[in-house]
Amino acid sequence: MKQRIITIFYLVIALCLVFIADLHAPEITERDIFGYVAYRVAEGGTILDGDGAVRGWILGDTVYDPSWDVRYVIPGEDKEG
């Protein structure tokens, strides 16, 4: 009986130590580990933020803002020829 109580005590301590790590973890937000807002690209190239608002479009190697102005072109090798 005494050995069973000691075993249960150690198991309770181990479980407490496991959950302490979760208590000290930072809160999960919409930002990634580097502090930037996370966006996702839907089918068709639409760039959406965490709330689902359109933030722009990606077509080929060009990124457009919501008003279809060119934001930047992704550099790379010439894809033709």
PDB file of N, CA and C in Angstrom:
ATOM      1  N   MET A   1       0.826  -1.192   0.000  1.00  0.00           N
ATOM      2  CA  MET A   1       0.000   0.000   0.000  1.00  0.00           C
ATOM      3  C   MET A   1       0.867   1.251   0.000  1.00  0.00           C
ATOM      4  N   LYS A   2       1.945   1.223   0.796  1.00  0.00           N
ATOM      5  CA  LYS A   2       2.815   2.387   0.883  1.00  0.00           C
ATOM      6  C   LYS A   2       3.491   2.651  -0.465  1.00  0.00           C
ATOM      7  N   GLN A   3       3.885   1.590  -1.158  1.00  0.00           N
ATOM      8  CA  GLN A   3       4.546   1.752  -2.453  1.00  0.00           C
ATOM      9  C   GLN A   3       3.565   2.324  -3.486  1.00  0.00           C
ATOM     10  N   ARG A   4       2.313   1.926  -3.416  1.00  0.00           N
ATOM     11  CA  ARG A   4       1.300   2.449  -4.338  1.00  0.00           C
ATOM     12  C   ARG A   4       1.084   3.942  -4.112  1.00  0.00           C
ATOM     13  N   ILE A   5       1.049   4.383  -2.870  1.00  0.00           N
ATOM     14  CA  ILE A   5       0.877   5.803  -2.552  1.00  0.00           C
ATOM     15  C   ILE A   5       2.066   6.610  -3.064  1.00  0.00           C
ATOM     16  N   ILE A   6       3.266   6.091  -2.884  1.00  0.00           N
ATOM     17  CA  ILE A   6       4.468   6.789  -3.358  1.00  0.00           C
ATOM     18  C   ILE A   6       4.455   6.876  -4.886  1.00  0.00           C
ATOM     19  N   THR A   7       4.052   5.806  -5.552  1.00  0.00           N
ATOM     20  CA  THR A   7       3.982   5.807  -7.016  1.00  0.00           C
ATOM     21  C   THR A   7       2.964   6.828  -7.516  1.00  0.00           C
ATOM     22  N   ILE A   8       1.806   6.866  -6.885  1.00  0.00           N
ATOM     23  CA  ILE A   8       0.777   7.840  -7.259  1.00  0.00           C
ATOM     24  C   ILE A   8       1.279   9.255  -7.010  1.00  0.00           C
ATOM     25  N   PHE A   9       1.979   9.472  -5.912  1.00  0.00           N
ATOM     26  CA  PHE A   9       2.535  10.786  -5.599  1.00  0.00           C
ATOM     27  C   PHE A   9       3.500  11.233  -6.701  1.00  0.00           C
ATOM     28  N   TYR A  10       4.384  10.342  -7.135  1.00  0.00           N
ATOM     29  CA  TYR A  10       5.337  10.687  -8.194  1.00  0.00           C
ATOM     30  C   TYR A  10       4.621  10.957  -9.527  1.00  0.00           C
ATOM     31  N   LEU A  11       3.571  10.204  -9.801  1.00  0.00           N
ATOM     32  CA  LEU A  11       2.810  10.447 -11.025  1.00  0.00           C
ATOM     33  C   LEU A  11       2.124  11.810 -10.998  1.00  0.00           C
ATOM     34  N   VAL A  12       1.580  12.180  -9.858  1.00  0.00           N
ATOM     35  CA  VAL A  12       0.941  13.491  -9.721  1.00  0.00           C
ATOM     36  C   VAL A  12       1.968  14.601  -9.896  1.00  0.00           C
ATOM     37  N   ILE A  13       3.136  14.452  -9.307  1.00  0.00           N
ATOM     38  CA  ILE A  13       4.210  15.447  -9.459  1.00  0.00           C
ATOM     39  C   ILE A  13       4.617  15.556 -10.925  1.00  0.00           C
ATOM     40  N   ALA A  14       4.760  14.417 -11.606  1.00  0.00           N
ATOM     41  CA  ALA A  14       5.157  14.424 -13.020  1.00  0.00           C
ATOM     42  C   ALA A  14       4.111  15.129 -13.880  1.00  0.00           C
ATOM     43  N   LEU A  15       2.835  14.871 -13.627  1.00  0.00           N
ATOM     44  CA  LEU A  15       1.779  15.534 -14.385  1.00  0.00           C
ATOM     45  C   LEU A  15       1.760  17.035 -14.125  1.00  0.00           C
ATOM     46  N   CYS A  16       1.992  17.433 -12.896  1.00  0.00           N
ATOM     47  CA  CYS A  16       2.052  18.867 -12.578  1.00  0.00           C
ATOM     48  C   CYS A  16       3.196  19.541 -13.329  1.00  0.00           C
ATOM     49  N   LEU A  17       4.336  18.881 -13.401  1.00  0.00           N
ATOM     50  CA  LEU A  17       5.476  19.455 -14.115  1.00  0.00           C
ATOM     51  C   LEU A  17       5.195  19.574 -15.612  1.00  0.00           C
ATOM     52  N   VAL A  18       4.446  18.639 -16.156  1.00  0.00           N
ATOM     53  CA  VAL A  18       4.092  18.706 -17.577  1.00  0.00           C
ATOM     54  C   VAL A  18       3.203  19.915 -17.842  1.00  0.00           C
ATOM     55  N   PHE A  19       2.230  20.161 -16.974  1.00  0.00           N
ATOM     56  CA  PHE A  19       1.300  21.258 -17.201  1.00  0.00           C
ATOM     57  C   PHE A  19       1.893  22.618 -16.852  1.00  0.00           C
ATOM     58  N   ILE A  20       2.925  22.679 -16.046  1.00  0.00           N
ATOM     59  CA  ILE A  20       3.576  23.952 -15.732  1.00  0.00           C
ATOM     60  C   ILE A  20       4.181  24.547 -16.996  1.00  0.00           C
ATOM     61  N   ALA A  21       4.711  23.712 -17.875  1.00  0.00           N
ATOM     62  CA  ALA A  21       5.281  24.209 -19.132  1.00  0.00           C
ATOM     63  C   ALA A  21       4.208  24.897 -19.975  1.00  0.00           C
ATOM     64  N   ASP A  22       2.988  24.376 -19.973  1.00  0.00           N
ATOM     65  CA  ASP A  22       1.902  25.015 -20.718  1.00  0.00           C
ATOM     66  C   ASP A  22       1.515  26.351 -20.112  1.00  0.00           C
ATOM     67  N   LEU A  23       1.602  26.480 -18.822  1.00  0.00           N
ATOM     68  CA  LEU A  23       1.247  27.746 -18.181  1.00  0.00           C
ATOM     69  C   LEU A  23       2.228  28.855 -18.524  1.00  0.00           C
ATOM     70  N   HIS A  24       3.482  28.512 -18.750  1.00  0.00           N
ATOM     71  CA  HIS A  24       4.494  29.518 -19.065  1.00  0.00           C
ATOM     72  C   HIS A  24       4.614  29.789 -20.560  1.00  0.00           C
ATOM     73  N   ALA A  25       3.893  29.053 -21.391  1.00  0.00           N
ATOM     74  CA  ALA A  25       3.959  29.254 -22.839  1.00  0.00           C
ATOM     75  C   ALA A  25       3.267  30.566 -23.200  1.00  0.00           C
ATOM     76  N   PRO A  26       3.771  31.276 -24.212  1.00  0.00           N
ATOM     77  CA  PRO A  26       3.115  32.519 -24.619  1.00  0.00           C
ATOM     78  C   PRO A  26       1.750  32.240 -25.233  1.00  0.00           C
ATOM     79  N   GLU A  27       0.880  33.213 -25.153  1.00  0.00           N
ATOM     80  CA  GLU A  27      -0.451  33.065 -25.714  1.00  0.00           C
ATOM     81  C   GLU A  27      -0.359  32.974 -27.237  1.00  0.00           C
ATOM     82  N   ILE A  28      -1.129  32.086 -27.813  1.00  0.00           N
ATOM     83  CA  ILE A  28      -1.129  31.933 -29.266  1.00  0.00           C
ATOM     84  C   ILE A  28      -1.981  33.047 -29.858  1.00  0.00           C
ATOM     85  N   THR A  29      -1.369  33.806 -30.771  1.00  0.00           N
ATOM     86  CA  THR A  29      -2.080  34.899 -31.431  1.00  0.00           C
ATOM     87  C   THR A  29      -2.008  34.695 -32.934  1.00  0.00           C
ATOM     88  N   GLU A  30      -2.415  35.708 -33.673  1.00  0.00           N
ATOM     89  CA  GLU A  30      -2.357  35.632 -35.128  1.00  0.00           C
ATOM     90  C   GLU A  30      -0.946  35.858 -35.645  1.00  0.00           C
ATOM     91  N   ARG A  31      -0.030  36.194 -34.790  1.00  0.00           N
ATOM     92  CA  ARG A  31       1.328  36.463 -35.240  1.00  0.00           C
ATOM     93  C   ARG A  31       2.177  35.209 -35.108  1.00  0.00           C
ATOM     94  N   ASP A  32       3.146  35.083 -35.995  1.00  0.00           N
ATOM     95  CA  ASP A  32       4.018  33.920 -35.917  1.00  0.00           C
ATOM     96  C   ASP A  32       5.146  34.192 -34.927  1.00  0.00           C
ATOM     97  N   ILE A  33       6.130  33.319 -34.851  1.00  0.00           N
ATOM     98  CA  ILE A  33       7.166  33.440 -33.831  1.00  0.00           C
ATOM     99  C   ILE A  33       8.077  34.633 -34.050  1.00  0.00           C
ATOM    100  N   PHE A  34       8.066  35.225 -35.245  1.00  0.00           N
ATOM    101  CA  PHE A  34       8.910  36.383 -35.505  1.00  0.00           C
ATOM    102  C   PHE A  34       8.162  37.695 -35.317  1.00  0.00           C
ATOM    103  N   GLY A  35       6.882  37.654 -34.985  1.00  0.00           N
ATOM    104  CA  GLY A  35       6.119  38.856 -34.722  1.00  0.00           C
ATOM    105  C   GLY A  35       5.422  39.445 -35.929  1.00  0.00           C
ATOM    106  N   TYR A  36       5.392  38.739 -37.045  1.00  0.00           N
ATOM    107  CA  TYR A  36       4.721  39.242 -38.234  1.00  0.00           C
ATOM    108  C   TYR A  36       3.309  38.680 -38.311  1.00  0.00           C
ATOM    109  N   VAL A  37       2.405  39.474 -38.859  1.00  0.00           N
ATOM    110  CA  VAL A  37       1.034  39.022 -39.034  1.00  0.00           C
ATOM    111  C   VAL A  37       1.016  37.913 -40.083  1.00  0.00           C
ATOM    112  N   ALA A  38       0.285  36.859 -39.803  1.00  0.00           N
ATOM    113  CA  ALA A  38       0.222  35.724 -40.729  1.00  0.00           C
ATOM    114  C   ALA A  38      -0.862  35.959 -41.778  1.00  0.00           C
ATOM    115  N   TYR A  39      -0.517  35.709 -43.017  1.00  0.00           N
ATOM    116  CA  TYR A  39      -1.465  35.775 -44.123  1.00  0.00           C
ATOM    117  C   TYR A  39      -1.541  34.401 -44.770  1.00  0.00           C
ATOM    118  N   ARG A  40      -2.607  34.166 -45.501  1.00  0.00           N
ATOM    119  CA  ARG A  40      -2.698  32.923 -46.260  1.00  0.00           C
ATOM    120  C   ARG A  40      -3.097  33.274 -47.682  1.00  0.00           C
ATOM    121  N   VAL A  41      -2.705  32.426 -48.601  1.00  0.00           N
ATOM    122  CA  VAL A  41      -3.024  32.629 -50.011  1.00  0.00           C
ATOM    123  C   VAL A  41      -4.070  31.597 -50.400  1.00  0.00           C
ATOM    124  N   ALA A  42      -5.231  32.082 -50.799  1.00  0.00           N
ATOM    125  CA  ALA A  42      -6.322  31.199 -51.205  1.00  0.00           C
ATOM    126  C   ALA A  42      -6.128  30.791 -52.662  1.00  0.00           C
ATOM    127  N   GLU A  43      -6.943  29.845 -53.096  1.00  0.00           N
ATOM    128  CA  GLU A  43      -6.892  29.449 -54.503  1.00  0.00           C
ATOM    129  C   GLU A  43      -7.241  30.660 -55.359  1.00  0.00           C
ATOM    130  N   GLY A  44      -6.542  30.810 -56.448  1.00  0.00           N
ATOM    131  CA  GLY A  44      -6.758  31.962 -57.316  1.00  0.00           C
ATOM    132  C   GLY A  44      -5.811  33.103 -56.994  1.00  0.00           C
ATOM    133  N   GLY A  45      -4.996  32.965 -55.930  1.00  0.00           N
ATOM    134  CA  GLY A  45      -3.987  33.963 -55.615  1.00  0.00           C
ATOM    135  C   GLY A  45      -4.421  35.063 -54.671  1.00  0.00           C
ATOM    136  N   THR A  46      -5.609  34.984 -54.092  1.00  0.00           N
ATOM    137  CA  THR A  46      -6.064  36.012 -53.160  1.00  0.00           C
ATOM    138  C   THR A  46      -5.304  35.908 -51.848  1.00  0.00           C
ATOM    139  N   ILE A  47      -4.765  37.033 -51.359  1.00  0.00           N
ATOM    140  CA  ILE A  47      -4.056  37.077 -50.079  1.00  0.00           C
ATOM    141  C   ILE A  47      -5.051  37.516 -49.014  1.00  0.00           C
ATOM    142  N   LEU A  48      -5.238  36.689 -47.974  1.00  0.00           N
ATOM    143  CA  LEU A  48      -6.203  36.967 -46.912  1.00  0.00           C
ATOM    144  C   LEU A  48      -5.489  37.081 -45.577  1.00  0.00           C
ATOM    145  N   ASP A  49      -5.976  38.007 -44.717  1.00  0.00           N
ATOM    146  CA  ASP A  49      -5.407  38.101 -43.375  1.00  0.00           C
ATOM    147  C   ASP A  49      -6.160  37.161 -42.440  1.00  0.00           C
ATOM    148  N   GLY A  50      -5.880  37.246 -41.148  1.00  0.00           N
ATOM    149  CA  GLY A  50      -6.490  36.351 -40.172  1.00  0.00           C
ATOM    150  C   GLY A  50      -7.993  36.498 -40.055  1.00  0.00           C
ATOM    151  N   ASP A  51      -8.531  37.689 -40.396  1.00  0.00           N
ATOM    152  CA  ASP A  51      -9.970  37.925 -40.330  1.00  0.00           C
ATOM    153  C   ASP A  51     -10.684  37.581 -41.627  1.00  0.00           C
ATOM    154  N   GLY A  52      -9.925  37.179 -42.649  1.00  0.00           N
ATOM    155  CA  GLY A  52     -10.515  36.844 -43.936  1.00  0.00           C
ATOM    156  C   GLY A  52     -10.638  38.021 -44.882  1.00  0.00           C
ATOM    157  N   ALA A  53     -10.095  39.190 -44.499  1.00  0.00           N
ATOM    158  CA  ALA A  53     -10.144  40.363 -45.369  1.00  0.00           C
ATOM    159  C   ALA A  53      -9.099  40.231 -46.470  1.00  0.00           C
ATOM    160  N   VAL A  54      -9.449  40.697 -47.660  1.00  0.00           N
ATOM    161  CA  VAL A  54      -8.528  40.630 -48.798  1.00  0.00           C
ATOM    162  C   VAL A  54      -7.431  41.665 -48.607  1.00  0.00           C
ATOM    163  N   ARG A  55      -6.187  41.201 -48.657  1.00  0.00           N
ATOM    164  CA  ARG A  55      -5.027  42.081 -48.496  1.00  0.00           C
ATOM    165  C   ARG A  55      -4.263  42.264 -49.795  1.00  0.00           C
ATOM    166  N   GLY A  56      -4.650  41.537 -50.850  1.00  0.00           N
ATOM    167  CA  GLY A  56      -3.992  41.664 -52.136  1.00  0.00           C
ATOM    168  C   GLY A  56      -4.127  40.394 -52.943  1.00  0.00           C
ATOM    169  N   TRP A  57      -3.339  40.335 -54.018  1.00  0.00           N
ATOM    170  CA  TRP A  57      -3.370  39.176 -54.905  1.00  0.00           C
ATOM    171  C   TRP A  57      -1.966  38.837 -55.351  1.00  0.00           C
ATOM    172  N   ILE A  58      -1.751  37.573 -55.664  1.00  0.00           N
ATOM    173  CA  ILE A  58      -0.506  37.112 -56.271  1.00  0.00           C
ATOM    174  C   ILE A  58      -0.874  36.493 -57.613  1.00  0.00           C
ATOM    175  N   LEU A  59      -0.290  37.048 -58.667  1.00  0.00           N
ATOM    176  CA  LEU A  59      -0.477  36.500 -60.006  1.00  0.00           C
ATOM    177  C   LEU A  59       0.895  36.320 -60.624  1.00  0.00           C
ATOM    178  N   GLY A  60       1.275  35.070 -60.838  1.00  0.00           N
ATOM    179  CA  GLY A  60       2.607  34.793 -61.374  1.00  0.00           C
ATOM    180  C   GLY A  60       3.667  35.177 -60.361  1.00  0.00           C
ATOM    181  N   ASP A  61       4.576  36.078 -60.764  1.00  0.00           N
ATOM    182  CA  ASP A  61       5.629  36.527 -59.851  1.00  0.00           C
ATOM    183  C   ASP A  61       5.395  37.956 -59.373  1.00  0.00           C
ATOM    184  N   THR A  62       4.153  38.458 -59.518  1.00  0.00           N
ATOM    185  CA  THR A  62       3.825  39.828 -59.124  1.00  0.00           C
ATOM    186  C   THR A  62       2.825  39.811 -57.976  1.00  0.00           C
ATOM    187  N   VAL A  63       3.057  40.680 -56.986  1.00  0.00           N
ATOM    188  CA  VAL A  63       2.162  40.819 -55.839  1.00  0.00           C
ATOM    189  C   VAL A  63       1.467  42.172 -55.943  1.00  0.00           C
ATOM    190  N   TYR A  64       0.132  42.152 -55.873  1.00  0.00           N
ATOM    191  CA  TYR A  64      -0.673  43.361 -55.987  1.00  0.00           C
ATOM    192  C   TYR A  64      -1.320  43.678 -54.646  1.00  0.00           C
ATOM    193  N   ASP A  65      -1.561  44.976 -54.378  1.00  0.00           N
ATOM    194  CA  ASP A  65      -2.288  45.367 -53.172  1.00  0.00           C
ATOM    195  C   ASP A  65      -3.788  45.304 -53.469  1.00  0.00           C
ATOM    196  N   PRO A  66      -4.671  45.620 -52.491  1.00  0.00           N
ATOM    197  CA  PRO A  66      -6.116  45.498 -52.723  1.00  0.00           C
ATOM    198  C   PRO A  66      -6.651  46.370 -53.864  1.00  0.00           C
ATOM    199  N   SER A  67      -5.948  47.459 -54.197  1.00  0.00           N
ATOM    200  CA  SER A  67      -6.412  48.313 -55.296  1.00  0.00           C
ATOM    201  C   SER A  67      -5.749  47.954 -56.625  1.00  0.00           C
ATOM    202  N   TRP A  68      -5.119  46.780 -56.705  1.00  0.00           N
ATOM    203  CA  TRP A  68      -4.473  46.241 -57.898  1.00  0.00           C
ATOM    204  C   TRP A  68      -3.266  47.049 -58.349  1.00  0.00           C
ATOM    205  N   ASP A  69      -2.652  47.806 -57.450  1.00  0.00           N
ATOM    206  CA  ASP A  69      -1.375  48.441 -57.755  1.00  0.00           C
ATOM    207  C   ASP A  69      -0.276  47.421 -57.471  1.00  0.00           C
ATOM    208  N   VAL A  70       0.773  47.428 -58.296  1.00  0.00           N
ATOM    209  CA  VAL A  70       1.871  46.474 -58.106  1.00  0.00           C
ATOM    210  C   VAL A  70       2.635  46.843 -56.845  1.00  0.00           C
ATOM    211  N   ARG A  71       2.718  45.909 -55.900  1.00  0.00           N
ATOM    212  CA  ARG A  71       3.497  46.124 -54.672  1.00  0.00           C
ATOM    213  C   ARG A  71       4.951  45.763 -54.896  1.00  0.00           C
ATOM    214  N   TYR A  72       5.197  44.584 -55.445  1.00  0.00           N
ATOM    215  CA  TYR A  72       6.553  44.166 -55.783  1.00  0.00           C
ATOM    216  C   TYR A  72       6.507  42.943 -56.690  1.00  0.00           C
ATOM    217  N   VAL A  73       7.628  42.742 -57.344  1.00  0.00           N
ATOM    218  CA  VAL A  73       7.798  41.591 -58.223  1.00  0.00           C
ATOM    219  C   VAL A  73       8.813  40.674 -57.568  1.00  0.00           C
ATOM    220  N   ILE A  74       8.474  39.402 -57.479  1.00  0.00           N
ATOM    221  CA  ILE A  74       9.368  38.431 -56.856  1.00  0.00           C
ATOM    222  C   ILE A  74      10.506  38.139 -57.831  1.00  0.00           C
ATOM    223  N   PRO A  75      11.748  38.444 -57.438  1.00  0.00           N
ATOM    224  CA  PRO A  75      12.862  38.214 -58.365  1.00  0.00           C
ATOM    225  C   PRO A  75      13.128  36.722 -58.551  1.00  0.00           C
ATOM    226  N   GLY A  76      13.637  36.394 -59.697  1.00  0.00           N
ATOM    227  CA  GLY A  76      13.961  34.999 -59.980  1.00  0.00           C
ATOM    228  C   GLY A  76      14.479  34.869 -61.389  1.00  0.00           C
ATOM    229  N   GLU A  77      14.702  33.646 -61.780  1.00  0.00           N
ATOM    230  CA  GLU A  77      15.198  33.394 -63.124  1.00  0.00           C
ATOM    231  C   GLU A  77      14.120  33.700 -64.150  1.00  0.00           C
ATOM    232  N   ASP A  78      14.563  34.040 -65.349  1.00  0.00           N
ATOM    233  CA  ASP A  78      13.637  34.262 -66.447  1.00  0.00           C
ATOM    234  C   ASP A  78      12.953  32.940 -66.775  1.00  0.00           C
ATOM    235  N   LYS A  79      11.632  32.914 -66.671  1.00  0.00           N
ATOM    236  CA  LYS A  79      10.897  31.666 -66.849  1.00  0.00           C
ATOM    237  C   LYS A  79      10.643  31.346 -68.322  1.00  0.00           C
ATOM    238  N   GLU A  80      10.852  32.320 -69.191  1.00  0.00           N
ATOM    239  CA  GLU A  80      10.634  32.088 -70.617  1.00  0.00           C
ATOM    240  C   GLU A  80      11.950  31.726 -71.276  1.00  0.00           C
ATOM    241  N   GLY A  81      11.913  30.691 -72.085  1.00  0.00           N
ATOM    242  CA  GLY A  81      13.108  30.310 -72.842  1.00  0.00           C
ATOM    243  C   GLY A  81      14.055  29.606 -72.030  1.00  0.00           C
TER     244      GLY A  81
END
